[in-house]
Structure formats: C-alpha cells, structure tokens
Amino acid sequence: MDLDLRQVRYAVTLADELHFGRAADRLTIAQQTLSAQIRTLEKRLGVPLFTRDRRHVALTPAGETFAERGRRLLVDAERLVDEITHTCTPLRIDVVAEGLPSTLLIHHLRTQAPDLPFEVLQTHGMAAALPRLLTGDLDIAFGRPFGLGRPLGAALATMPVGLDPIGVILPTDHPLADRDEVPLAALAEHPLLIHSADESAEWHDWVDQAVAAFGLKVATRIRGHGRTSALAAVQALRHPAFGRTSAHLPAGLTARPLNDPVPLYPWHAVWNTTTAHPATNRALELIHTYARTHHWHRPPSANWWLPKPDSGTLRATN
C-alpha cells in the first residue's frame, strides 16, 4: 500500500496539536478537509490513529507509532528532494522574539558561516516552537525547556546557552526609579504588570515561580507579543514589569537591575536529534563557542536565584 505524504503530514500535524482547529490552521486548510483526510487515511490503514470526541483528541497506540515514524518519513522526503535537485533546505532557526540575546547569534552565524543558508523565525515561545521541532519544520529553537506543561520528548536535545539577569522596567517617575538597584524585597511592595504571550508558557511559569518565591504581588496580567508590546503596557498602566535591562527603552521608561538575589532566566538551544538538518551540528558549535566566549553561561558572583528545575540543569553542566 502506498502512503500519500500529504496525508502523513496531516496526521503528524494533528498528532502535534491534538486539536483539529489548530492543526488545520498550521496546514492552512479547512478543518473539515483535515477531518476527512484523516478518516480516509485511517480507512486505508485499517486502524484508528486518533480517538476524538467533541472536546478531546488523543493518539491511539497505532497513532503514536505512525506520528513518530511519519516525522522521520517527511524529513527523509525533504532531504531526498534536496539531494536529487542539488538544493539545500535552509536551516530554520527560531529566535523567539525581537530584542533578545538569541538575535545576536544570528549575526554571529552570518559572519562566521556566510555559506550557511538559514531562515529566521519568531514563534514567541518554546511552547509554540515545540510542535514544529517535533515535526522537523524547525531545526533549532531557543528558550527555557521547563514550565511547558509537558516534557520535551525523547527526540529533543538541549544545550544551555545563557543565564540572563532579569531586572525591572519602570516609569521614570516611579518610586523605585530613584534606586540604582532594586532588592526583590522592595519590589514586593509594588504590584507587577505581567506581560506574556500564550506561546511562552515557559516565561509565564518562570514569572509565577518568582512571584511565589519572593512574595511578590500581581497588579494585572496582559497578553501580548514582543518587547514593544510589553513596554507599551508599562507606559500605559504605570506598573513595574520584569524585563531585561540592557535593551533600548523609549522615553518615559527606565530599567533597574534586581538584586538580593539576582533573578536569572536560563535559555537553551533545542533541536530534534531524529530530524536534524545536516548543518545543525555546525550551527550548534558556533553558538556554543560564542556563548562561552562571552560568558553567557556564568551566573553572577552576587547571590542569585533560579527555579528548582533550572538549578538542577545548571549543577549538571558546571
């Protein structure tokens, strides 16, 4: 029996999303078309790949096997086309969003490997990148591999890249702006604005753990994408917010380091070992060298804080 690669892609995408609407959006097809194609595939195979009702979609044991092997089949098909046509599929790298240290790595890759073709994407969080890593639609992503609500999966590998000190973004007339550095105990007296995207569950988890660990208060939670949106929310609502202190700020805002302890946000490179692009290892070596040369992986000499899962990873790599 011949397999239709289009139907394989449909089934693999549905296995990643476990939701017909989201899977159809990713595939840019109608939900009814996806449902019909899955039924046709199951009929040809003679076994159900999914169980579904009005609220839930789940993989059957046969579906789990099909999804795992199907991902490899799709990547092999892409590599075959590249080999026969003497083309090279670009390395697809997710930098999360604008204004993050991961964007510096793109400039480094372009400088050190000008012959390496790659595409830069912004998925706004590891939770959004994860399904694309699993299908091979994404080659390398950056982010925190904890707080995602599910494990990464055996096929994915991680490499620690950086430990970013998190500070506080403030209106320039805020009482805390008079300090050169802000102790976390002082921040507890001023309710926070929490800005996060649905795709960045790992950032949301980090913030919630920091709030719980230091008795911080939350004034409001805002959903949005990117640093520009977060800064606009601070300007409009006048509440302090967690953020990196090194980037440019618009007029009316300032940033202060947090201390006693310094909260650190860890981020890793994540890739799929079963669908790895031929250039993945070369890119990872360049990323590792740059991060180590610039000491991105070193915690500060002052007292610092990480959530427990991240602390375990830090001890294992040092």
Protein backbone atom coordinates (compact mmCIF):
# COMPACT_ATOMS: atom_id res chain seq x y z
CA MET A 1 0.00 0.00 0.00
CA ASP A 2 1.34 3.42 -0.99
CA LEU A 3 1.26 6.29 1.50
CA ASP A 4 0.26 9.80 0.49
CA LEU A 5 2.87 12.14 2.02
CA ARG A 6 0.26 14.86 2.23
CA GLN A 7 -1.88 12.66 4.49
CA VAL A 8 1.18 11.74 6.52
CA ARG A 9 1.85 15.44 7.10
CA TYR A 10 -1.77 15.97 8.10
CA ALA A 11 -1.65 13.14 10.63
CA VAL A 12 1.69 14.25 12.08
CA THR A 13 0.47 17.84 12.48
CA LEU A 14 -2.72 16.67 14.19
CA ALA A 15 -0.62 14.47 16.47
CA ASP A 16 1.41 17.54 17.47
CA GLU A 17 -1.57 19.78 18.13
CA LEU A 18 -4.21 17.24 19.28
CA HIS A 19 -6.73 19.80 18.11
CA PHE A 20 -8.33 19.86 14.65
CA GLY A 21 -8.70 23.63 14.54
CA ARG A 22 -5.08 24.40 15.41
CA ALA A 23 -3.76 21.66 13.12
CA ALA A 24 -5.86 22.94 10.22
CA ASP A 25 -4.58 26.49 10.82
CA ARG A 26 -0.97 25.27 10.69
CA LEU A 27 -1.67 23.38 7.48
CA THR A 28 -3.68 26.29 6.01
CA ILE A 29 -6.58 24.02 5.11
CA ALA A 30 -10.19 23.85 6.27
CA GLN A 31 -10.90 21.86 9.41
CA GLN A 32 -13.45 19.75 7.52
CA THR A 33 -10.82 18.88 4.91
CA LEU A 34 -8.38 17.77 7.60
CA SER A 35 -11.01 15.63 9.32
CA ALA A 36 -11.97 13.97 6.02
CA GLN A 37 -8.35 13.25 5.10
CA ILE A 38 -7.64 11.69 8.50
CA ARG A 39 -10.69 9.45 8.14
CA THR A 40 -9.55 8.41 4.65
CA LEU A 41 -6.07 7.59 5.94
CA GLU A 42 -7.41 5.55 8.84
CA LYS A 43 -9.72 3.64 6.48
CA ARG A 44 -6.79 2.81 4.20
CA LEU A 45 -4.66 1.67 7.13
CA GLY A 46 -7.49 -0.28 8.71
CA VAL A 47 -6.73 1.07 12.20
CA PRO A 48 -7.70 4.24 14.07
CA LEU A 49 -4.86 6.69 14.65
CA PHE A 50 -6.85 9.05 16.87
CA THR A 51 -9.69 8.90 19.32
CA ARG A 52 -11.84 12.01 19.38
CA ASP A 53 -14.96 13.44 20.86
CA ARG A 54 -16.33 16.97 21.00
CA ARG A 55 -13.67 18.13 23.46
CA HIS A 56 -10.63 15.91 23.12
CA VAL A 57 -8.34 14.40 20.51
CA ALA A 58 -5.88 11.69 21.57
CA LEU A 59 -3.46 9.35 19.85
CA THR A 60 -4.06 5.62 19.83
CA PRO A 61 -1.01 3.33 20.22
CA ALA A 62 -1.01 2.93 16.43
CA GLY A 63 -1.24 6.70 16.09
CA GLU A 64 1.80 7.24 18.32
CA THR A 65 3.83 4.88 16.16
CA PHE A 66 2.56 6.47 12.95
CA ALA A 67 3.37 10.00 14.16
CA GLU A 68 6.90 9.09 15.23
CA ARG A 69 7.75 7.27 12.01
CA GLY A 70 5.83 9.80 9.93
CA ARG A 71 8.01 12.68 11.16
CA ARG A 72 11.11 10.82 10.01
CA LEU A 73 9.50 9.98 6.67
CA LEU A 74 8.67 13.63 5.97
CA VAL A 75 12.20 14.77 6.80
CA ASP A 76 13.72 11.98 4.68
CA ALA A 77 11.50 13.01 1.76
CA GLU A 78 12.68 16.61 2.07
CA ARG A 79 16.33 15.53 2.22
CA LEU A 80 15.80 13.31 -0.85
CA VAL A 81 14.46 16.23 -2.86
CA ASP A 82 17.42 18.36 -1.77
CA GLU A 83 19.89 15.68 -2.82
CA ILE A 84 18.31 14.99 -6.20
CA THR A 85 17.81 18.65 -7.09
CA HIS A 86 21.18 19.71 -5.65
CA THR A 87 19.49 22.25 -3.42
CA CYS A 88 19.79 22.81 0.30
CA THR A 89 16.83 23.44 2.56
CA PRO A 90 17.72 26.41 4.78
CA LEU A 91 18.40 25.80 8.45
CA ARG A 92 15.31 27.13 10.25
CA ILE A 93 16.15 28.93 13.49
CA ASP A 94 13.63 30.37 15.94
CA VAL A 95 14.94 33.38 17.91
CA VAL A 96 11.67 33.73 19.93
CA ALA A 97 11.13 37.49 19.50
CA GLU A 98 12.89 40.75 18.75
CA GLY A 99 15.31 42.27 21.23
CA LEU A 100 16.54 39.02 22.80
CA PRO A 101 20.16 37.82 23.03
CA SER A 102 19.34 34.98 20.63
CA THR A 103 19.17 37.56 17.81
CA LEU A 104 22.88 38.30 18.36
CA LEU A 105 23.63 34.70 17.47
CA ILE A 106 22.10 35.20 14.03
CA HIS A 107 24.59 37.96 13.26
CA HIS A 108 27.38 35.68 14.53
CA LEU A 109 26.26 32.81 12.30
CA ARG A 110 26.06 35.07 9.27
CA THR A 111 29.59 36.34 9.97
CA GLN A 112 31.23 33.02 10.77
CA ALA A 113 29.34 30.85 8.28
CA PRO A 114 28.35 33.02 5.29
CA ASP A 115 27.84 29.89 3.17
CA LEU A 116 25.22 28.52 5.57
CA PRO A 117 21.68 29.23 4.35
CA PHE A 118 19.15 29.72 7.12
CA GLU A 119 15.78 31.27 7.84
CA VAL A 120 14.95 33.21 10.99
CA LEU A 121 11.56 32.78 12.63
CA GLN A 122 9.86 34.25 15.69
CA THR A 123 7.36 31.91 17.34
CA HIS A 124 7.26 33.95 20.59
CA GLY A 125 7.91 31.00 22.88
CA MET A 126 9.08 27.43 23.33
CA ALA A 127 5.50 26.23 23.72
CA ALA A 128 4.86 27.30 20.11
CA ALA A 129 8.21 26.08 18.80
CA LEU A 130 7.89 22.62 20.32
CA PRO A 131 5.42 21.13 17.80
CA ARG A 132 7.46 22.45 14.88
CA LEU A 133 10.66 20.98 16.32
CA LEU A 134 8.96 17.62 16.64
CA THR A 135 7.79 17.62 13.02
CA GLY A 136 11.09 18.84 11.61
CA ASP A 137 9.55 22.14 10.43
CA LEU A 138 12.02 23.90 12.75
CA ASP A 139 15.67 22.95 13.22
CA ILE A 140 16.86 24.96 16.23
CA ALA A 141 14.85 26.91 18.78
CA PHE A 142 15.92 28.93 21.79
CA GLY A 143 14.14 29.08 25.10
CA ARG A 144 13.61 27.67 28.56
CA PRO A 145 12.82 23.93 28.39
CA PHE A 146 10.77 23.88 31.61
CA GLY A 147 7.28 25.03 32.52
CA LEU A 148 5.77 23.86 29.24
CA GLY A 149 3.08 21.66 30.74
CA ARG A 150 4.57 18.59 29.11
CA PRO A 151 8.02 17.03 28.71
CA LEU A 152 10.13 17.93 25.71
CA GLY A 153 10.16 14.37 24.41
CA ALA A 154 12.95 11.87 23.91
CA ALA A 155 13.74 13.08 20.37
CA LEU A 156 14.70 16.60 21.52
CA ALA A 157 18.11 17.55 22.89
CA THR A 158 19.08 20.73 24.73
CA MET A 159 22.26 22.75 25.19
CA PRO A 160 22.46 25.53 27.82
CA VAL A 161 23.32 28.83 26.18
CA GLY A 162 22.73 31.70 28.59
CA LEU A 163 21.69 32.92 32.03
CA ASP A 164 20.06 36.32 31.64
CA PRO A 165 19.77 38.60 34.69
CA ILE A 166 16.21 39.85 34.87
CA GLY A 167 15.63 43.40 36.04
CA VAL A 168 12.60 45.62 36.40
CA ILE A 169 11.20 48.07 33.84
CA LEU A 170 9.71 51.21 35.41
CA PRO A 171 8.15 54.54 34.53
CA THR A 172 10.80 57.17 35.16
CA ASP A 173 8.67 58.77 37.89
CA HIS A 174 8.14 55.51 39.77
CA PRO A 175 9.44 55.48 43.38
CA LEU A 176 11.76 52.56 42.64
CA ALA A 177 13.44 54.53 39.83
CA ASP A 178 15.34 56.53 42.48
CA ARG A 179 17.39 53.43 43.31
CA ASP A 180 20.45 52.26 41.37
CA GLU A 181 19.43 48.65 42.07
CA VAL A 182 16.18 47.25 43.41
CA PRO A 183 16.17 44.48 46.03
CA LEU A 184 13.48 41.90 45.41
CA ALA A 185 12.12 42.62 48.90
CA ALA A 186 11.46 46.23 47.85
CA LEU A 187 9.76 45.08 44.64
CA ALA A 188 7.29 43.15 46.78
CA GLU A 189 5.74 46.47 47.84
CA HIS A 190 4.82 47.37 44.24
CA PRO A 191 2.38 45.12 42.32
CA LEU A 192 3.70 43.92 38.98
CA LEU A 193 2.41 44.02 35.45
CA ILE A 194 2.85 40.55 33.96
CA HIS A 195 3.11 40.55 30.16
CA SER A 196 3.28 37.25 28.28
CA ALA A 197 2.15 35.53 25.11
CA ASP A 198 0.12 32.35 25.04
CA GLU A 199 3.04 30.78 23.17
CA SER A 200 5.51 31.50 26.00
CA ALA A 201 4.26 29.17 28.73
CA GLU A 202 7.84 28.79 29.96
CA TRP A 203 8.13 32.57 30.67
CA HIS A 204 4.73 32.55 32.36
CA ASP A 205 5.92 29.67 34.57
CA TRP A 206 9.19 31.45 35.43
CA VAL A 207 7.29 34.59 36.45
CA ASP A 208 4.82 32.63 38.58
CA GLN A 209 7.67 30.86 40.37
CA ALA A 210 9.43 34.18 41.06
CA VAL A 211 6.20 35.72 42.35
CA ALA A 212 5.65 32.77 44.70
CA ALA A 213 9.27 32.55 45.86
CA PHE A 214 9.56 36.21 46.87
CA GLY A 215 6.03 37.09 47.91
CA LEU A 216 5.51 39.48 45.01
CA LYS A 217 2.10 40.87 44.06
CA VAL A 218 0.49 40.99 40.61
CA ALA A 219 -1.44 44.10 39.58
CA THR A 220 -2.59 42.81 36.21
CA ARG A 221 -1.77 40.27 33.51
CA ILE A 222 -1.60 41.31 29.86
CA ARG A 223 -1.45 39.01 26.84
CA GLY A 224 0.75 40.22 24.02
CA HIS A 225 3.74 39.57 21.79
CA GLY A 226 7.20 41.06 21.93
CA ARG A 227 9.13 43.63 23.89
CA THR A 228 7.46 46.61 22.19
CA SER A 229 4.05 45.47 23.38
CA ALA A 230 5.35 44.88 26.91
CA LEU A 231 6.92 48.33 27.13
CA ALA A 232 3.77 49.99 25.84
CA ALA A 233 1.80 48.25 28.59
CA VAL A 234 4.18 49.55 31.27
CA GLN A 235 3.86 53.08 29.85
CA ALA A 236 0.08 52.90 29.80
CA LEU A 237 -0.62 51.16 33.11
CA ARG A 238 2.33 52.58 35.15
CA HIS A 239 3.15 49.29 36.89
CA PRO A 240 6.67 47.80 37.07
CA ALA A 241 7.37 44.69 34.99
CA PHE A 242 10.10 42.06 34.77
CA GLY A 243 12.43 42.57 31.81
CA ARG A 244 15.97 42.66 30.52
CA THR A 245 17.80 45.85 31.41
CA SER A 246 20.27 46.00 28.51
CA ALA A 247 17.95 46.89 25.62
CA HIS A 248 16.97 50.38 24.47
CA LEU A 249 13.95 51.89 26.21
CA PRO A 250 11.54 54.55 24.94
CA ALA A 251 11.24 57.95 26.63
CA GLY A 252 9.41 57.76 29.92
CA LEU A 253 10.73 54.35 30.93
CA THR A 254 13.86 53.23 32.74
CA ALA A 255 15.31 49.90 33.86
CA ARG A 256 16.93 48.86 37.12
CA PRO A 257 18.80 45.67 38.00
CA LEU A 258 17.23 43.42 40.63
CA ASN A 259 19.37 42.01 43.41
CA ASP A 260 19.42 40.18 46.71
CA PRO A 261 19.10 37.79 44.89
CA VAL A 262 19.59 38.41 41.17
CA PRO A 263 16.82 36.51 39.33
CA LEU A 264 18.21 34.63 36.34
CA TYR A 265 16.33 33.47 33.26
CA PRO A 266 18.01 30.42 31.67
CA TRP A 267 17.71 29.63 27.99
CA HIS A 268 18.88 26.73 25.87
CA ALA A 269 19.24 25.71 22.26
CA VAL A 270 16.80 22.90 21.49
CA TRP A 271 16.85 20.63 18.43
CA ASN A 272 15.44 17.34 17.18
CA THR A 273 18.05 14.58 17.03
CA THR A 274 15.92 12.39 14.76
CA THR A 275 15.28 15.02 12.07
CA ALA A 276 18.48 17.03 12.34
CA HIS A 277 19.39 19.25 9.39
CA PRO A 278 22.89 18.47 8.01
CA ALA A 279 24.10 21.88 9.22
CA THR A 280 22.66 21.63 12.75
CA ASN A 281 25.88 20.46 14.42
CA ARG A 282 27.92 23.18 12.72
CA ALA A 283 25.49 25.86 13.88
CA LEU A 284 25.40 24.48 17.43
CA GLU A 285 29.20 24.51 17.64
CA LEU A 286 29.27 28.18 16.61
CA ILE A 287 26.52 29.03 19.10
CA HIS A 288 28.30 27.19 21.92
CA THR A 289 31.62 28.91 21.18
CA TYR A 290 30.06 32.37 21.08
CA ALA A 291 28.12 31.85 24.31
CA ARG A 292 31.18 30.55 26.17
CA THR A 293 33.44 33.29 24.82
CA HIS A 294 31.01 35.93 26.08
CA HIS A 295 30.43 34.09 29.39
CA TRP A 296 26.68 33.92 28.86
CA HIS A 297 26.51 30.69 30.86
CA ARG A 298 28.13 32.02 34.04
CA PRO A 299 25.96 33.08 36.98
CA PRO A 300 26.92 36.39 38.64
CA SER A 301 29.19 36.49 41.67
CA ALA A 302 26.37 38.04 43.72
CA ASN A 303 23.59 35.97 45.28
CA TRP A 304 21.27 34.71 42.53
CA TRP A 305 18.05 32.74 42.04
CA LEU A 306 16.76 30.16 39.58
CA PRO A 307 13.64 27.98 39.73
CA LYS A 308 14.44 24.48 41.01
CA PRO A 309 14.30 22.60 37.67
CA ASP A 310 16.69 25.12 36.14
CA SER A 311 19.05 24.96 39.13
CA GLY A 312 19.38 21.21 38.62
CA THR A 313 20.37 21.72 35.00
CA LEU A 314 22.95 24.35 35.98
CA ARG A 315 24.57 22.00 38.50
CA ALA A 316 24.68 19.23 35.92
CA THR A 317 26.51 21.38 33.35
CA ASN A 318 29.06 23.03 35.68
